[in-house]
Amino acid sequence: MSEQDNTSGPFDSGDPERREAAEQVERELVMMFRNARNLSTQVAALVHPDLDPASYTLLLMVAADGPLRAMDLVERTRLDKSTVSRQIATLVDLALLERVPDPDDGRARLIQLSDLGAERLDQVRGERRKHLSGQFATWSTEDLADLARLLGKLNDLG
């Protein structure tokens, strides 16, 4: 058995149809990630002109799950503590996040969305929903449900 045979998996199958399908998945994922990166850049700028896409992602996490400790964000993002600290500081400086006392530990601070951050995110999400509604207008409900199911399955891999 060759070295290549030992690494054979669903994407490296000897089946030419499966291999072609896997290559198509790879091509489409590359395009999806490129489009997502471009969209994040555009949306971040709509939230605040000085907001970078990485900090925008952190802002979304806090909006969804906050208030959080900074270490919670480090664990969730799997980024270096200093990177997360810089992003939090930037978001606080832009008045999109605020630090508040932790009710369970008077010495600790939590990070939460500020009123301005919530307002800006609501505005941008509304615009994004309108855009997506137009993009998916010709898709059937079944196709949208299939896409959501398959994206969920893809997200579960990570």
N, C-alpha and C. Protein backbone atom coordinates (compact mmCIF):
# COMPACT_ATOMS: atom_id res chain seq x y z
N MET A 1 0.85 -1.18 0.00
CA MET A 1 0.00 0.00 0.00
C MET A 1 0.89 1.24 0.00
N SER A 2 0.60 2.18 -0.85
CA SER A 2 1.43 3.37 -0.96
C SER A 2 1.05 4.38 0.12
N GLU A 3 1.91 5.39 0.27
CA GLU A 3 1.65 6.47 1.22
C GLU A 3 0.33 7.16 0.90
N GLN A 4 0.06 7.32 -0.40
CA GLN A 4 -1.16 7.98 -0.84
C GLN A 4 -2.39 7.17 -0.41
N ASP A 5 -2.31 5.84 -0.46
CA ASP A 5 -3.43 5.00 -0.06
C ASP A 5 -3.76 5.17 1.42
N ASN A 6 -2.73 5.42 2.24
CA ASN A 6 -2.95 5.58 3.68
C ASN A 6 -3.68 6.87 4.01
N THR A 7 -3.60 7.86 3.15
CA THR A 7 -4.23 9.15 3.44
C THR A 7 -5.57 9.28 2.72
N SER A 8 -6.01 8.21 2.09
CA SER A 8 -7.26 8.26 1.35
C SER A 8 -8.43 8.55 2.29
N GLY A 9 -9.25 9.46 1.90
CA GLY A 9 -10.43 9.83 2.67
C GLY A 9 -11.55 10.15 1.70
N PRO A 10 -12.63 10.72 2.16
CA PRO A 10 -13.76 10.99 1.29
C PRO A 10 -13.43 11.92 0.14
N PHE A 11 -12.46 12.83 0.32
CA PHE A 11 -12.08 13.73 -0.76
C PHE A 11 -11.03 13.11 -1.66
N ASP A 12 -10.37 12.04 -1.21
CA ASP A 12 -9.30 11.41 -1.98
C ASP A 12 -9.70 10.04 -2.49
N SER A 13 -10.97 9.83 -2.67
CA SER A 13 -11.49 8.54 -3.12
C SER A 13 -11.03 8.25 -4.53
N GLY A 14 -10.96 6.97 -4.85
CA GLY A 14 -10.63 6.57 -6.22
C GLY A 14 -11.79 6.78 -7.17
N ASP A 15 -12.97 7.09 -6.65
CA ASP A 15 -14.16 7.31 -7.47
C ASP A 15 -14.05 8.67 -8.16
N PRO A 16 -13.97 8.68 -9.50
CA PRO A 16 -13.80 9.96 -10.22
C PRO A 16 -14.96 10.94 -10.00
N GLU A 17 -16.19 10.44 -9.87
CA GLU A 17 -17.32 11.34 -9.64
C GLU A 17 -17.22 12.01 -8.27
N ARG A 18 -16.82 11.22 -7.28
CA ARG A 18 -16.67 11.78 -5.93
C ARG A 18 -15.52 12.78 -5.90
N ARG A 19 -14.43 12.44 -6.57
CA ARG A 19 -13.28 13.36 -6.63
C ARG A 19 -13.68 14.67 -7.29
N GLU A 20 -14.43 14.60 -8.40
CA GLU A 20 -14.88 15.82 -9.08
C GLU A 20 -15.82 16.63 -8.18
N ALA A 21 -16.72 15.94 -7.48
CA ALA A 21 -17.63 16.64 -6.57
C ALA A 21 -16.84 17.31 -5.44
N ALA A 22 -15.84 16.62 -4.92
CA ALA A 22 -15.02 17.19 -3.85
C ALA A 22 -14.24 18.40 -4.34
N GLU A 23 -13.73 18.33 -5.56
CA GLU A 23 -13.00 19.48 -6.12
C GLU A 23 -13.94 20.66 -6.33
N GLN A 24 -15.18 20.38 -6.73
CA GLN A 24 -16.16 21.45 -6.89
C GLN A 24 -16.50 22.08 -5.54
N VAL A 25 -16.62 21.26 -4.50
CA VAL A 25 -16.86 21.78 -3.14
C VAL A 25 -15.71 22.70 -2.75
N GLU A 26 -14.48 22.26 -3.00
CA GLU A 26 -13.32 23.08 -2.65
C GLU A 26 -13.35 24.42 -3.39
N ARG A 27 -13.64 24.39 -4.69
CA ARG A 27 -13.70 25.64 -5.47
C ARG A 27 -14.78 26.57 -4.91
N GLU A 28 -15.94 26.02 -4.62
CA GLU A 28 -17.04 26.84 -4.12
C GLU A 28 -16.76 27.39 -2.73
N LEU A 29 -16.09 26.59 -1.89
CA LEU A 29 -15.72 27.10 -0.56
C LEU A 29 -14.74 28.25 -0.67
N VAL A 30 -13.78 28.15 -1.56
CA VAL A 30 -12.83 29.25 -1.76
C VAL A 30 -13.58 30.52 -2.16
N MET A 31 -14.52 30.39 -3.08
CA MET A 31 -15.30 31.56 -3.51
C MET A 31 -16.17 32.09 -2.36
N MET A 32 -16.78 31.18 -1.60
CA MET A 32 -17.63 31.61 -0.49
C MET A 32 -16.81 32.36 0.56
N PHE A 33 -15.62 31.83 0.89
CA PHE A 33 -14.78 32.51 1.89
C PHE A 33 -14.30 33.85 1.38
N ARG A 34 -13.98 33.94 0.10
CA ARG A 34 -13.56 35.22 -0.48
C ARG A 34 -14.72 36.23 -0.40
N ASN A 35 -15.91 35.79 -0.78
CA ASN A 35 -17.07 36.67 -0.73
C ASN A 35 -17.40 37.08 0.70
N ALA A 36 -17.28 36.13 1.62
CA ALA A 36 -17.56 36.44 3.03
C ALA A 36 -16.56 37.45 3.57
N ARG A 37 -15.29 37.31 3.20
CA ARG A 37 -14.27 38.26 3.65
C ARG A 37 -14.58 39.65 3.11
N ASN A 38 -14.95 39.73 1.82
CA ASN A 38 -15.30 41.02 1.23
C ASN A 38 -16.53 41.62 1.89
N LEU A 39 -17.54 40.79 2.16
CA LEU A 39 -18.75 41.27 2.82
C LEU A 39 -18.44 41.76 4.23
N SER A 40 -17.60 41.02 4.96
CA SER A 40 -17.24 41.45 6.31
C SER A 40 -16.55 42.80 6.29
N THR A 41 -15.69 43.02 5.33
CA THR A 41 -15.00 44.30 5.20
C THR A 41 -16.01 45.43 4.96
N GLN A 42 -16.96 45.18 4.06
CA GLN A 42 -17.96 46.21 3.74
C GLN A 42 -18.88 46.47 4.94
N VAL A 43 -19.34 45.41 5.57
CA VAL A 43 -20.27 45.56 6.69
C VAL A 43 -19.58 46.22 7.87
N ALA A 44 -18.34 45.83 8.14
CA ALA A 44 -17.60 46.45 9.24
C ALA A 44 -17.51 47.96 9.03
N ALA A 45 -17.24 48.38 7.80
CA ALA A 45 -17.15 49.82 7.51
C ALA A 45 -18.48 50.52 7.70
N LEU A 46 -19.59 49.81 7.48
CA LEU A 46 -20.91 50.40 7.70
C LEU A 46 -21.19 50.58 9.19
N VAL A 47 -20.70 49.65 10.01
CA VAL A 47 -20.88 49.77 11.46
C VAL A 47 -20.09 50.98 11.96
N HIS A 48 -18.84 51.07 11.52
CA HIS A 48 -17.98 52.21 11.87
C HIS A 48 -16.85 52.26 10.86
N PRO A 49 -16.54 53.44 10.33
CA PRO A 49 -15.50 53.54 9.30
C PRO A 49 -14.13 53.02 9.74
N ASP A 50 -13.85 53.04 11.04
CA ASP A 50 -12.54 52.59 11.53
C ASP A 50 -12.55 51.14 12.01
N LEU A 51 -13.64 50.43 11.78
CA LEU A 51 -13.76 49.05 12.27
C LEU A 51 -13.21 48.07 11.24
N ASP A 52 -12.28 47.21 11.69
CA ASP A 52 -11.72 46.20 10.79
C ASP A 52 -12.57 44.93 10.88
N PRO A 53 -12.51 44.06 9.85
CA PRO A 53 -13.35 42.86 9.83
C PRO A 53 -13.13 41.92 11.01
N ALA A 54 -11.92 41.78 11.49
CA ALA A 54 -11.65 40.88 12.62
C ALA A 54 -12.35 41.39 13.88
N SER A 55 -12.29 42.68 14.11
CA SER A 55 -12.97 43.25 15.27
C SER A 55 -14.48 43.18 15.11
N TYR A 56 -14.96 43.29 13.87
CA TYR A 56 -16.39 43.15 13.61
C TYR A 56 -16.87 41.76 14.03
N THR A 57 -16.09 40.75 13.73
CA THR A 57 -16.43 39.38 14.12
C THR A 57 -16.53 39.27 15.64
N LEU A 58 -15.59 39.88 16.33
CA LEU A 58 -15.62 39.88 17.79
C LEU A 58 -16.86 40.61 18.31
N LEU A 59 -17.19 41.71 17.68
CA LEU A 59 -18.38 42.48 18.04
C LEU A 59 -19.64 41.61 17.91
N LEU A 60 -19.71 40.82 16.83
CA LEU A 60 -20.86 39.94 16.62
C LEU A 60 -20.95 38.88 17.71
N MET A 61 -19.80 38.36 18.14
CA MET A 61 -19.79 37.36 19.21
C MET A 61 -20.34 37.96 20.51
N VAL A 62 -19.89 39.13 20.83
CA VAL A 62 -20.36 39.79 22.06
C VAL A 62 -21.85 40.09 21.94
N ALA A 63 -22.29 40.52 20.77
CA ALA A 63 -23.71 40.82 20.57
C ALA A 63 -24.56 39.56 20.75
N ALA A 64 -24.05 38.43 20.28
CA ALA A 64 -24.81 37.18 20.35
C ALA A 64 -24.78 36.55 21.73
N ASP A 65 -23.63 36.62 22.41
CA ASP A 65 -23.44 35.85 23.63
C ASP A 65 -23.12 36.67 24.88
N GLY A 66 -22.98 37.99 24.73
CA GLY A 66 -22.52 38.82 25.83
C GLY A 66 -23.55 39.00 26.91
N PRO A 67 -23.17 39.62 28.00
CA PRO A 67 -21.82 40.08 28.33
C PRO A 67 -20.88 38.90 28.63
N LEU A 68 -19.62 39.09 28.26
CA LEU A 68 -18.61 38.05 28.39
C LEU A 68 -17.34 38.59 29.03
N ARG A 69 -16.59 37.70 29.62
CA ARG A 69 -15.24 38.05 30.05
C ARG A 69 -14.32 38.00 28.84
N ALA A 70 -13.26 38.75 28.88
CA ALA A 70 -12.30 38.75 27.78
C ALA A 70 -11.76 37.34 27.53
N MET A 71 -11.53 36.58 28.60
CA MET A 71 -11.01 35.22 28.44
C MET A 71 -12.01 34.30 27.74
N ASP A 72 -13.30 34.58 27.90
CA ASP A 72 -14.31 33.81 27.15
C ASP A 72 -14.13 34.03 25.65
N LEU A 73 -13.85 35.28 25.28
CA LEU A 73 -13.63 35.59 23.88
C LEU A 73 -12.35 34.95 23.35
N VAL A 74 -11.32 34.92 24.18
CA VAL A 74 -10.07 34.27 23.79
C VAL A 74 -10.34 32.79 23.49
N GLU A 75 -11.09 32.14 24.37
CA GLU A 75 -11.40 30.72 24.18
C GLU A 75 -12.26 30.49 22.94
N ARG A 76 -13.24 31.32 22.73
CA ARG A 76 -14.16 31.14 21.59
C ARG A 76 -13.50 31.43 20.26
N THR A 77 -12.64 32.42 20.23
CA THR A 77 -12.00 32.79 18.96
C THR A 77 -10.73 31.98 18.69
N ARG A 78 -10.17 31.41 19.76
CA ARG A 78 -8.89 30.68 19.68
C ARG A 78 -7.76 31.60 19.19
N LEU A 79 -7.90 32.87 19.54
CA LEU A 79 -6.86 33.83 19.21
C LEU A 79 -6.00 34.10 20.44
N ASP A 80 -4.86 34.69 20.22
CA ASP A 80 -3.96 35.07 21.30
C ASP A 80 -4.64 36.12 22.18
N LYS A 81 -4.38 36.03 23.48
CA LYS A 81 -4.97 36.96 24.44
C LYS A 81 -4.67 38.42 24.08
N SER A 82 -3.45 38.70 23.65
CA SER A 82 -3.09 40.08 23.32
C SER A 82 -3.86 40.57 22.09
N THR A 83 -4.13 39.69 21.14
CA THR A 83 -4.90 40.07 19.95
C THR A 83 -6.32 40.43 20.34
N VAL A 84 -6.93 39.58 21.16
CA VAL A 84 -8.30 39.84 21.61
C VAL A 84 -8.35 41.12 22.44
N SER A 85 -7.37 41.32 23.30
CA SER A 85 -7.32 42.54 24.13
C SER A 85 -7.25 43.79 23.26
N ARG A 86 -6.43 43.75 22.21
CA ARG A 86 -6.33 44.90 21.29
C ARG A 86 -7.66 45.14 20.58
N GLN A 87 -8.31 44.07 20.14
CA GLN A 87 -9.59 44.22 19.45
C GLN A 87 -10.65 44.78 20.39
N ILE A 88 -10.68 44.29 21.62
CA ILE A 88 -11.63 44.82 22.60
C ILE A 88 -11.36 46.30 22.84
N ALA A 89 -10.09 46.65 23.03
CA ALA A 89 -9.74 48.06 23.26
C ALA A 89 -10.20 48.93 22.09
N THR A 90 -10.01 48.46 20.88
CA THR A 90 -10.45 49.20 19.70
C THR A 90 -11.96 49.39 19.72
N LEU A 91 -12.68 48.31 20.01
CA LEU A 91 -14.14 48.37 20.03
C LEU A 91 -14.66 49.28 21.15
N VAL A 92 -13.97 49.29 22.27
CA VAL A 92 -14.34 50.20 23.36
C VAL A 92 -14.04 51.64 22.94
N ASP A 93 -12.88 51.88 22.32
CA ASP A 93 -12.52 53.23 21.85
C ASP A 93 -13.52 53.75 20.82
N LEU A 94 -14.07 52.84 20.01
CA LEU A 94 -15.06 53.23 19.00
C LEU A 94 -16.46 53.34 19.59
N ALA A 95 -16.58 53.10 20.90
CA ALA A 95 -17.84 53.17 21.64
C ALA A 95 -18.85 52.12 21.19
N LEU A 96 -18.37 51.00 20.62
CA LEU A 96 -19.25 49.92 20.19
C LEU A 96 -19.41 48.86 21.28
N LEU A 97 -18.41 48.75 22.15
CA LEU A 97 -18.46 47.87 23.32
C LEU A 97 -18.20 48.72 24.55
N GLU A 98 -18.59 48.17 25.70
CA GLU A 98 -18.29 48.83 26.97
C GLU A 98 -17.91 47.77 27.99
N ARG A 99 -17.09 48.18 28.91
CA ARG A 99 -16.71 47.31 30.03
C ARG A 99 -17.63 47.62 31.21
N VAL A 100 -18.14 46.55 31.83
CA VAL A 100 -19.04 46.71 32.97
C VAL A 100 -18.58 45.77 34.08
N PRO A 101 -18.92 46.09 35.33
CA PRO A 101 -18.53 45.21 36.43
C PRO A 101 -19.21 43.84 36.29
N ASP A 102 -18.47 42.80 36.67
CA ASP A 102 -19.01 41.44 36.68
C ASP A 102 -19.81 41.28 37.97
N PRO A 103 -21.12 41.00 37.88
CA PRO A 103 -21.93 40.88 39.10
C PRO A 103 -21.51 39.70 39.99
N ASP A 104 -20.81 38.72 39.40
CA ASP A 104 -20.37 37.55 40.17
C ASP A 104 -18.99 37.73 40.80
N ASP A 105 -18.26 38.75 40.35
CA ASP A 105 -16.90 38.98 40.86
C ASP A 105 -16.62 40.48 40.74
N GLY A 106 -16.71 41.19 41.83
CA GLY A 106 -16.53 42.64 41.83
C GLY A 106 -15.21 43.13 41.28
N ARG A 107 -14.19 42.26 41.27
CA ARG A 107 -12.89 42.66 40.73
C ARG A 107 -12.81 42.52 39.22
N ALA A 108 -13.69 41.71 38.65
CA ALA A 108 -13.62 41.41 37.21
C ALA A 108 -14.52 42.34 36.41
N ARG A 109 -14.24 42.42 35.11
CA ARG A 109 -15.03 43.24 34.20
C ARG A 109 -15.57 42.35 33.09
N LEU A 110 -16.74 42.70 32.62
CA LEU A 110 -17.35 42.02 31.47
C LEU A 110 -17.36 42.97 30.29
N ILE A 111 -17.42 42.40 29.12
CA ILE A 111 -17.51 43.17 27.88
C ILE A 111 -18.92 42.98 27.35
N GLN A 112 -19.58 44.08 27.04
CA GLN A 112 -20.92 43.98 26.46
C GLN A 112 -21.08 45.03 25.37
N LEU A 113 -22.09 44.81 24.56
CA LEU A 113 -22.42 45.73 23.49
C LEU A 113 -22.90 47.04 24.10
N SER A 114 -22.42 48.15 23.59
CA SER A 114 -22.90 49.46 24.04
C SER A 114 -24.22 49.77 23.31
N ASP A 115 -24.90 50.80 23.76
CA ASP A 115 -26.12 51.22 23.07
C ASP A 115 -25.83 51.58 21.61
N LEU A 116 -24.72 52.30 21.40
CA LEU A 116 -24.33 52.67 20.03
C LEU A 116 -24.02 51.41 19.22
N GLY A 117 -23.31 50.46 19.81
CA GLY A 117 -22.98 49.21 19.11
C GLY A 117 -24.23 48.45 18.72
N ALA A 118 -25.19 48.38 19.64
CA ALA A 118 -26.45 47.68 19.34
C ALA A 118 -27.21 48.38 18.22
N GLU A 119 -27.24 49.72 18.29
CA GLU A 119 -27.93 50.50 17.26
C GLU A 119 -27.31 50.30 15.89
N ARG A 120 -25.98 50.38 15.83
CA ARG A 120 -25.28 50.21 14.54
C ARG A 120 -25.45 48.80 13.99
N LEU A 121 -25.34 47.79 14.86
CA LEU A 121 -25.52 46.41 14.40
C LEU A 121 -26.94 46.18 13.90
N ASP A 122 -27.93 46.69 14.60
CA ASP A 122 -29.32 46.53 14.15
C ASP A 122 -29.53 47.15 12.78
N GLN A 123 -28.97 48.33 12.60
CA GLN A 123 -29.09 49.03 11.32
C GLN A 123 -28.44 48.22 10.20
N VAL A 124 -27.23 47.76 10.42
CA VAL A 124 -26.50 47.01 9.40
C VAL A 124 -27.16 45.66 9.12
N ARG A 125 -27.63 45.00 10.18
CA ARG A 125 -28.31 43.71 9.98
C ARG A 125 -29.58 43.88 9.16
N GLY A 126 -30.30 44.95 9.40
CA GLY A 126 -31.51 45.23 8.62
C GLY A 126 -31.18 45.40 7.14
N GLU A 127 -30.12 46.15 6.86
CA GLU A 127 -29.70 46.36 5.48
C GLU A 127 -29.22 45.04 4.85
N ARG A 128 -28.50 44.25 5.64
CA ARG A 128 -28.00 42.97 5.14
C ARG A 128 -29.16 42.01 4.85
N ARG A 129 -30.17 42.00 5.72
CA ARG A 129 -31.33 41.13 5.49
C ARG A 129 -32.05 41.53 4.20
N LYS A 130 -32.20 42.83 3.97
CA LYS A 130 -32.83 43.29 2.72
C LYS A 130 -32.02 42.82 1.51
N HIS A 131 -30.70 42.95 1.61
CA HIS A 131 -29.83 42.54 0.51
C HIS A 131 -29.96 41.03 0.26
N LEU A 132 -29.88 40.25 1.32
CA LEU A 132 -29.98 38.80 1.17
C LEU A 132 -31.36 38.38 0.66
N SER A 133 -32.39 39.07 1.11
CA SER A 133 -33.74 38.78 0.64
C SER A 133 -33.82 38.94 -0.87
N GLY A 134 -33.20 39.99 -1.37
CA GLY A 134 -33.15 40.20 -2.82
C GLY A 134 -32.32 39.14 -3.52
N GLN A 135 -31.19 38.78 -2.93
CA GLN A 135 -30.31 37.77 -3.52
C GLN A 135 -30.99 36.41 -3.62
N PHE A 136 -31.78 36.07 -2.61
CA PHE A 136 -32.40 34.75 -2.55
C PHE A 136 -33.86 34.76 -3.00
N ALA A 137 -34.31 35.84 -3.62
CA ALA A 137 -35.72 35.98 -4.00
C ALA A 137 -36.19 34.85 -4.91
N THR A 138 -35.34 34.36 -5.77
CA THR A 138 -35.74 33.32 -6.73
C THR A 138 -35.56 31.90 -6.19
N TRP A 139 -35.00 31.77 -4.99
CA TRP A 139 -34.80 30.45 -4.41
C TRP A 139 -36.08 29.96 -3.75
N SER A 140 -36.35 28.68 -3.87
CA SER A 140 -37.51 28.11 -3.19
C SER A 140 -37.22 28.00 -1.70
N THR A 141 -38.28 27.89 -0.92
CA THR A 141 -38.13 27.69 0.52
C THR A 141 -37.35 26.40 0.78
N GLU A 142 -37.61 25.39 -0.02
CA GLU A 142 -36.89 24.12 0.13
C GLU A 142 -35.39 24.29 -0.11
N ASP A 143 -35.02 25.06 -1.14
CA ASP A 143 -33.60 25.31 -1.40
C ASP A 143 -32.96 26.08 -0.24
N LEU A 144 -33.65 27.08 0.30
CA LEU A 144 -33.12 27.83 1.43
C LEU A 144 -32.94 26.92 2.65
N ALA A 145 -33.92 26.05 2.90
CA ALA A 145 -33.82 25.12 4.03
C ALA A 145 -32.66 24.15 3.82
N ASP A 146 -32.48 23.68 2.58
CA ASP A 146 -31.35 22.78 2.28
C ASP A 146 -30.02 23.49 2.51
N LEU A 147 -29.93 24.74 2.05
CA LEU A 147 -28.70 25.50 2.24
C LEU A 147 -28.41 25.68 3.73
N ALA A 148 -29.42 26.06 4.49
CA ALA A 148 -29.23 26.25 5.94
C ALA A 148 -28.80 24.95 6.60
N ARG A 149 -29.40 23.85 6.21
CA ARG A 149 -29.06 22.54 6.79
C ARG A 149 -27.61 22.18 6.46
N LEU A 150 -27.24 22.33 5.19
CA LEU A 150 -25.88 21.97 4.78
C LEU A 150 -24.84 22.91 5.37
N LEU A 151 -25.14 24.19 5.48
CA LEU A 151 -24.20 25.12 6.13
C LEU A 151 -24.03 24.75 7.60
N GLY A 152 -25.12 24.38 8.24
CA GLY A 152 -25.04 23.94 9.64
C GLY A 152 -24.15 22.72 9.76
N LYS A 153 -24.30 21.79 8.84
CA LYS A 153 -23.47 20.59 8.83
C LYS A 153 -22.00 20.95 8.61
N LEU A 154 -21.75 21.89 7.72
CA LEU A 154 -20.38 22.35 7.46
C LEU A 154 -19.80 23.03 8.70
N ASN A 155 -20.58 23.87 9.35
CA ASN A 155 -20.12 24.57 10.55
C ASN A 155 -19.83 23.61 11.69
N ASP A 156 -20.54 22.49 11.74
CA ASP A 156 -20.32 21.49 12.78
C ASP A 156 -18.96 20.79 12.61
N LEU A 157 -18.38 20.85 11.42
CA LEU A 157 -17.07 20.23 11.19
C LEU A 157 -15.97 20.96 11.94
N GLY A 158 -16.12 22.27 12.11
CA GLY A 158 -15.08 23.08 12.73
C GLY A 158 -15.17 23.04 14.19
